[in-house]
């Protein structure tokens, strides 16, 4: 009797991630670098959802952009005393640019102080 036929699968199990090595790697990264990396990822994702990339309108989604900008503002507000102004200043500038881009992209702009992240940054006028 023959065994089952398995299409497209090898007999060796897939390799599992080395979680111990990953834990050691992340343990060596300073908290400021983790915070800045997360902030940059939020900024990049928000820019895509605002249609600010080469693909532009094809990825534009203002509802998603609002969430990302709001999360970025919350992160920067929560970590303001934890990261130096060397790191914080360009992140705040990027946040403000995204907030202005959101206001410009909105068909019906939010009232000043009601836009994404403005509860953390204060009103953005554009």
N, C-alpha and C. Protein backbone atom coordinates (compact mmCIF):
# COMPACT_ATOMS: atom_id res chain seq x y z
N UNK A 1 0.85 -1.18 0.00
CA UNK A 1 0.00 0.00 0.00
C UNK A 1 0.89 1.24 0.00
N UNK A 2 0.52 2.19 -0.83
CA UNK A 2 1.31 3.43 -0.94
C UNK A 2 0.79 4.46 0.04
N UNK A 3 1.70 5.34 0.45
CA UNK A 3 1.33 6.41 1.36
C UNK A 3 0.56 7.50 0.62
N UNK A 4 0.07 8.47 1.34
CA UNK A 4 -0.69 9.56 0.72
C UNK A 4 0.20 10.38 -0.21
N UNK A 5 -0.42 10.92 -1.21
CA UNK A 5 0.29 11.79 -2.15
C UNK A 5 0.16 13.21 -1.63
N UNK A 6 1.30 13.84 -1.46
CA UNK A 6 1.32 15.22 -0.98
C UNK A 6 1.93 16.07 -2.07
N UNK A 7 1.14 16.95 -2.60
CA UNK A 7 1.60 17.80 -3.71
C UNK A 7 2.23 19.08 -3.17
N UNK A 8 3.38 19.39 -3.70
CA UNK A 8 4.02 20.67 -3.40
C UNK A 8 4.61 20.78 -2.01
N UNK A 9 4.68 19.72 -1.28
CA UNK A 9 5.23 19.81 0.07
C UNK A 9 6.45 18.90 0.17
N UNK A 10 7.46 19.38 0.82
CA UNK A 10 8.63 18.54 1.04
C UNK A 10 8.41 17.72 2.31
N UNK A 11 9.24 16.73 2.48
CA UNK A 11 9.09 15.90 3.66
C UNK A 11 9.72 16.54 4.89
N UNK A 12 10.54 17.56 4.70
CA UNK A 12 11.14 18.22 5.86
C UNK A 12 10.20 19.32 6.33
N UNK A 13 9.99 19.42 7.64
CA UNK A 13 9.08 20.45 8.14
C UNK A 13 9.69 21.83 7.92
N UNK A 14 8.85 22.85 7.80
CA UNK A 14 9.40 24.20 7.62
C UNK A 14 10.17 24.60 8.87
N UNK A 15 11.20 25.42 8.65
CA UNK A 15 12.01 25.86 9.78
C UNK A 15 11.21 26.83 10.64
N UNK A 16 11.35 26.66 11.94
CA UNK A 16 10.68 27.58 12.85
C UNK A 16 11.62 28.73 13.15
N UNK A 17 11.05 29.90 13.38
CA UNK A 17 11.91 31.05 13.69
C UNK A 17 12.69 30.81 14.98
N UNK A 18 13.86 31.35 15.05
CA UNK A 18 14.70 31.25 16.24
C UNK A 18 14.32 32.40 17.18
N UNK A 19 13.31 32.16 18.01
CA UNK A 19 12.81 33.20 18.89
C UNK A 19 13.84 33.66 19.91
N UNK A 20 14.71 32.76 20.33
CA UNK A 20 15.76 33.14 21.28
C UNK A 20 16.69 34.17 20.65
N UNK A 21 17.07 33.94 19.40
CA UNK A 21 17.95 34.88 18.70
C UNK A 21 17.25 36.21 18.47
N UNK A 22 15.96 36.15 18.11
CA UNK A 22 15.21 37.38 17.89
C UNK A 22 15.09 38.17 19.18
N UNK A 23 14.88 37.50 20.30
CA UNK A 23 14.78 38.16 21.59
C UNK A 23 16.11 38.82 21.95
N UNK A 24 17.21 38.11 21.70
CA UNK A 24 18.53 38.68 21.97
C UNK A 24 18.74 39.91 21.11
N UNK A 25 18.36 39.84 19.83
CA UNK A 25 18.56 40.97 18.93
C UNK A 25 17.78 42.19 19.41
N UNK A 26 16.50 42.03 19.74
CA UNK A 26 15.69 43.17 20.16
C UNK A 26 16.16 43.70 21.51
N UNK A 27 16.73 42.84 22.34
CA UNK A 27 17.22 43.27 23.65
C UNK A 27 18.39 44.23 23.51
N UNK A 28 19.08 44.18 22.40
CA UNK A 28 20.24 45.03 22.18
C UNK A 28 19.88 46.39 21.58
N UNK A 29 18.62 46.57 21.19
CA UNK A 29 18.21 47.81 20.55
C UNK A 29 17.71 48.79 21.63
N UNK A 30 18.26 50.01 21.65
CA UNK A 30 17.79 51.00 22.62
C UNK A 30 16.32 51.36 22.38
N UNK A 31 15.62 51.65 23.45
CA UNK A 31 14.19 51.98 23.36
C UNK A 31 13.93 53.14 22.40
N UNK A 32 14.80 54.14 22.41
CA UNK A 32 14.61 55.30 21.52
C UNK A 32 14.57 54.85 20.05
N UNK A 33 15.43 53.91 19.70
CA UNK A 33 15.44 53.42 18.32
C UNK A 33 14.15 52.69 17.98
N UNK A 34 13.63 51.93 18.91
CA UNK A 34 12.36 51.23 18.68
C UNK A 34 11.24 52.24 18.48
N UNK A 35 11.18 53.25 19.35
CA UNK A 35 10.15 54.28 19.27
C UNK A 35 10.24 55.02 17.94
N UNK A 36 11.44 55.44 17.56
CA UNK A 36 11.62 56.18 16.31
C UNK A 36 11.25 55.31 15.11
N UNK A 37 11.62 54.04 15.15
CA UNK A 37 11.29 53.14 14.04
C UNK A 37 9.78 52.98 13.90
N UNK A 38 9.09 52.81 15.01
CA UNK A 38 7.63 52.70 14.96
C UNK A 38 7.03 53.99 14.43
N UNK A 39 7.53 55.13 14.89
CA UNK A 39 7.01 56.42 14.42
C UNK A 39 7.22 56.58 12.91
N UNK A 40 8.39 56.23 12.42
CA UNK A 40 8.67 56.34 10.98
C UNK A 40 7.76 55.40 10.19
N UNK A 41 7.51 54.21 10.71
CA UNK A 41 6.60 53.29 10.03
C UNK A 41 5.18 53.85 9.99
N UNK A 42 4.73 54.45 11.08
CA UNK A 42 3.41 55.08 11.10
C UNK A 42 3.35 56.24 10.10
N UNK A 43 4.42 57.03 10.05
CA UNK A 43 4.47 58.15 9.10
C UNK A 43 4.41 57.66 7.66
N UNK A 44 5.17 56.64 7.37
CA UNK A 44 5.21 56.11 6.01
C UNK A 44 3.85 55.55 5.60
N UNK A 45 3.24 54.80 6.51
CA UNK A 45 1.92 54.22 6.20
C UNK A 45 0.88 55.33 6.01
N UNK A 46 0.94 56.36 6.85
CA UNK A 46 0.00 57.47 6.72
C UNK A 46 0.19 58.20 5.39
N UNK A 47 1.43 58.40 4.98
CA UNK A 47 1.70 59.06 3.70
C UNK A 47 1.11 58.26 2.55
N UNK A 48 1.23 56.95 2.60
CA UNK A 48 0.65 56.09 1.56
C UNK A 48 -0.87 56.25 1.56
N UNK A 49 -1.48 56.20 2.73
CA UNK A 49 -2.94 56.29 2.82
C UNK A 49 -3.46 57.68 2.50
N UNK A 50 -2.60 58.68 2.57
CA UNK A 50 -2.98 60.04 2.16
C UNK A 50 -2.79 60.26 0.66
N UNK A 51 -2.23 59.26 -0.02
CA UNK A 51 -2.01 59.39 -1.46
C UNK A 51 -0.79 60.21 -1.81
N UNK A 52 0.19 60.28 -0.91
CA UNK A 52 1.36 61.11 -1.13
C UNK A 52 2.52 60.38 -1.79
N UNK A 53 2.32 59.15 -2.21
CA UNK A 53 3.38 58.38 -2.84
C UNK A 53 3.20 58.42 -4.36
N UNK A 54 4.12 57.79 -5.07
CA UNK A 54 4.05 57.77 -6.53
C UNK A 54 2.75 57.16 -7.04
N UNK A 55 2.25 56.14 -6.32
CA UNK A 55 1.01 55.49 -6.73
C UNK A 55 -0.19 56.39 -6.47
N UNK A 56 -0.01 57.36 -5.60
CA UNK A 56 -1.02 58.38 -5.33
C UNK A 56 -2.39 57.86 -4.96
N UNK A 57 -3.33 58.19 -5.79
CA UNK A 57 -4.74 57.93 -5.52
C UNK A 57 -5.09 56.46 -5.37
N UNK A 58 -4.31 55.57 -5.94
CA UNK A 58 -4.68 54.15 -5.91
C UNK A 58 -4.67 53.58 -4.49
N UNK A 59 -3.92 54.18 -3.58
CA UNK A 59 -3.86 53.68 -2.20
C UNK A 59 -4.50 54.64 -1.20
N UNK A 60 -5.08 55.72 -1.70
CA UNK A 60 -5.62 56.75 -0.82
C UNK A 60 -6.83 56.22 -0.05
N UNK A 61 -6.79 56.40 1.26
CA UNK A 61 -7.87 55.97 2.15
C UNK A 61 -7.80 56.87 3.38
N UNK A 62 -8.63 57.91 3.39
CA UNK A 62 -8.54 58.90 4.47
C UNK A 62 -8.95 58.34 5.83
N UNK A 63 -9.84 57.37 5.86
CA UNK A 63 -10.22 56.77 7.14
C UNK A 63 -9.01 56.07 7.76
N UNK A 64 -8.29 55.32 6.94
CA UNK A 64 -7.09 54.64 7.42
C UNK A 64 -6.00 55.67 7.78
N UNK A 65 -5.86 56.70 6.98
CA UNK A 65 -4.86 57.74 7.24
C UNK A 65 -5.15 58.42 8.57
N UNK A 66 -6.42 58.69 8.86
CA UNK A 66 -6.80 59.33 10.12
C UNK A 66 -6.31 58.49 11.31
N UNK A 67 -6.52 57.20 11.25
CA UNK A 67 -6.12 56.31 12.34
C UNK A 67 -4.60 56.33 12.53
N UNK A 68 -3.87 56.29 11.43
CA UNK A 68 -2.41 56.26 11.49
C UNK A 68 -1.84 57.57 12.03
N UNK A 69 -2.38 58.70 11.56
CA UNK A 69 -1.91 60.00 12.03
C UNK A 69 -2.23 60.17 13.51
N UNK A 70 -3.41 59.74 13.91
CA UNK A 70 -3.81 59.83 15.31
C UNK A 70 -2.88 58.97 16.19
N UNK A 71 -2.58 57.76 15.73
CA UNK A 71 -1.67 56.87 16.48
C UNK A 71 -0.28 57.48 16.59
N UNK A 72 0.20 58.08 15.50
CA UNK A 72 1.51 58.73 15.51
C UNK A 72 1.53 59.87 16.52
N UNK A 73 0.49 60.70 16.51
CA UNK A 73 0.43 61.82 17.45
C UNK A 73 0.41 61.32 18.89
N UNK A 74 -0.33 60.26 19.15
CA UNK A 74 -0.39 59.69 20.49
C UNK A 74 0.96 59.15 20.94
N UNK A 75 1.63 58.46 20.02
CA UNK A 75 2.96 57.93 20.34
C UNK A 75 3.93 59.06 20.66
N UNK A 76 3.93 60.09 19.84
CA UNK A 76 4.86 61.20 20.07
C UNK A 76 4.54 61.95 21.35
N UNK A 77 3.25 62.09 21.65
CA UNK A 77 2.86 62.75 22.89
C UNK A 77 3.29 61.92 24.10
N UNK A 78 3.08 60.62 24.02
CA UNK A 78 3.41 59.74 25.14
C UNK A 78 4.91 59.61 25.37
N UNK A 79 5.69 59.79 24.35
CA UNK A 79 7.14 59.59 24.48
C UNK A 79 7.93 60.89 24.45
N UNK A 80 7.25 62.01 24.51
CA UNK A 80 7.93 63.31 24.40
C UNK A 80 9.05 63.47 25.41
N UNK A 81 8.86 62.99 26.61
CA UNK A 81 9.90 63.13 27.63
C UNK A 81 10.91 62.00 27.60
N UNK A 82 10.67 61.00 26.78
CA UNK A 82 11.54 59.83 26.73
C UNK A 82 12.58 59.88 25.61
N UNK A 83 12.26 60.64 24.57
CA UNK A 83 13.21 60.74 23.45
C UNK A 83 13.73 62.17 23.39
N UNK A 84 14.93 62.34 22.95
CA UNK A 84 15.55 63.67 22.91
C UNK A 84 14.92 64.53 21.83
N UNK A 85 15.11 65.83 21.93
CA UNK A 85 14.59 66.74 20.91
C UNK A 85 15.27 66.47 19.57
N UNK A 86 16.47 65.91 19.61
CA UNK A 86 17.16 65.51 18.38
C UNK A 86 16.30 64.55 17.57
N UNK A 87 15.64 63.61 18.26
CA UNK A 87 14.76 62.66 17.59
C UNK A 87 13.34 63.20 17.45
N UNK A 88 12.87 63.90 18.46
CA UNK A 88 11.47 64.32 18.49
C UNK A 88 11.15 65.42 17.49
N UNK A 89 12.05 66.38 17.29
CA UNK A 89 11.75 67.53 16.43
C UNK A 89 11.40 67.12 14.99
N UNK A 90 12.21 66.29 14.33
CA UNK A 90 11.83 65.91 12.96
C UNK A 90 10.55 65.07 12.91
N UNK A 91 10.30 64.29 13.96
CA UNK A 91 9.08 63.50 13.99
C UNK A 91 7.86 64.41 14.15
N UNK A 92 7.98 65.43 14.98
CA UNK A 92 6.87 66.39 15.13
C UNK A 92 6.64 67.15 13.84
N UNK A 93 7.72 67.52 13.14
CA UNK A 93 7.57 68.21 11.85
C UNK A 93 6.86 67.32 10.84
N UNK A 94 7.24 66.04 10.81
CA UNK A 94 6.58 65.10 9.90
C UNK A 94 5.12 64.93 10.24
N UNK A 95 4.82 64.85 11.53
CA UNK A 95 3.42 64.73 11.97
C UNK A 95 2.62 65.94 11.51
N UNK A 96 3.16 67.13 11.71
CA UNK A 96 2.43 68.34 11.31
C UNK A 96 2.19 68.34 9.79
N UNK A 97 3.18 67.92 9.03
CA UNK A 97 3.02 67.85 7.57
C UNK A 97 1.90 66.88 7.19
N UNK A 98 1.85 65.75 7.88
CA UNK A 98 0.79 64.77 7.60
C UNK A 98 -0.58 65.32 8.00
N UNK A 99 -0.63 66.03 9.12
CA UNK A 99 -1.90 66.62 9.54
C UNK A 99 -2.38 67.66 8.54
N UNK A 100 -1.47 68.46 8.02
CA UNK A 100 -1.83 69.45 7.00
C UNK A 100 -2.27 68.77 5.71
N UNK A 101 -1.56 67.72 5.31
CA UNK A 101 -1.93 66.96 4.10
C UNK A 101 -3.30 66.34 4.27
N UNK A 102 -3.61 65.85 5.46
CA UNK A 102 -4.93 65.27 5.71
C UNK A 102 -6.00 66.35 5.56
N UNK A 103 -5.75 67.51 6.14
CA UNK A 103 -6.72 68.61 6.05
C UNK A 103 -6.95 69.00 4.59
N UNK A 104 -5.89 69.08 3.80
CA UNK A 104 -6.01 69.44 2.39
C UNK A 104 -6.72 68.37 1.57
N UNK A 105 -6.53 67.10 1.93
CA UNK A 105 -7.12 66.00 1.18
C UNK A 105 -8.60 65.78 1.50
N UNK A 106 -9.05 66.30 2.64
CA UNK A 106 -10.43 66.09 3.07
C UNK A 106 -11.39 66.97 2.27
N UNK A 107 -12.46 66.34 1.80
CA UNK A 107 -13.48 67.12 1.09
C UNK A 107 -14.18 68.07 2.05
N UNK A 108 -14.42 67.63 3.27
CA UNK A 108 -15.01 68.45 4.31
C UNK A 108 -14.02 68.44 5.48
N UNK A 109 -13.14 69.43 5.52
CA UNK A 109 -12.10 69.44 6.57
C UNK A 109 -12.70 69.49 7.97
N UNK A 110 -12.00 68.84 8.91
CA UNK A 110 -12.41 68.88 10.31
C UNK A 110 -12.25 70.30 10.83
N UNK A 111 -13.02 70.62 11.86
CA UNK A 111 -12.84 71.89 12.55
C UNK A 111 -11.44 71.90 13.18
N UNK A 112 -10.80 73.06 13.27
CA UNK A 112 -9.50 73.11 13.95
C UNK A 112 -9.60 72.49 15.35
N UNK A 113 -8.66 71.61 15.64
CA UNK A 113 -8.65 70.91 16.91
C UNK A 113 -9.34 69.56 16.87
N UNK A 114 -10.05 69.27 15.76
CA UNK A 114 -10.79 68.01 15.64
C UNK A 114 -10.16 67.04 14.65
N UNK A 115 -9.10 67.44 13.98
CA UNK A 115 -8.44 66.59 13.00
C UNK A 115 -7.65 65.48 13.68
N UNK A 116 -7.12 64.56 12.88
CA UNK A 116 -6.39 63.44 13.46
C UNK A 116 -5.19 63.89 14.28
N UNK A 117 -5.14 63.43 15.52
CA UNK A 117 -4.01 63.74 16.39
C UNK A 117 -4.04 65.10 17.03
N UNK A 118 -5.01 65.94 16.66
CA UNK A 118 -5.01 67.31 17.17
C UNK A 118 -5.36 67.39 18.65
N UNK A 119 -5.93 66.33 19.21
CA UNK A 119 -6.16 66.36 20.66
C UNK A 119 -4.82 66.29 21.40
N UNK A 120 -3.78 65.82 20.71
CA UNK A 120 -2.44 65.75 21.30
C UNK A 120 -1.58 66.96 20.92
N UNK A 121 -1.76 67.47 19.72
CA UNK A 121 -0.88 68.53 19.21
C UNK A 121 -1.48 69.92 19.29
N UNK A 122 -2.76 70.00 19.46
CA UNK A 122 -3.46 71.27 19.35
C UNK A 122 -3.90 71.47 17.91
N UNK A 123 -4.68 72.51 17.67
CA UNK A 123 -5.23 72.74 16.33
C UNK A 123 -4.16 72.96 15.28
N UNK A 124 -4.42 72.43 14.10
CA UNK A 124 -3.56 72.62 12.93
C UNK A 124 -4.36 73.46 11.93
N UNK A 125 -3.80 74.56 11.52
CA UNK A 125 -4.47 75.43 10.56
C UNK A 125 -3.76 75.30 9.22
N UNK A 126 -4.54 75.21 8.16
CA UNK A 126 -3.90 75.02 6.87
C UNK A 126 -4.41 75.87 5.79
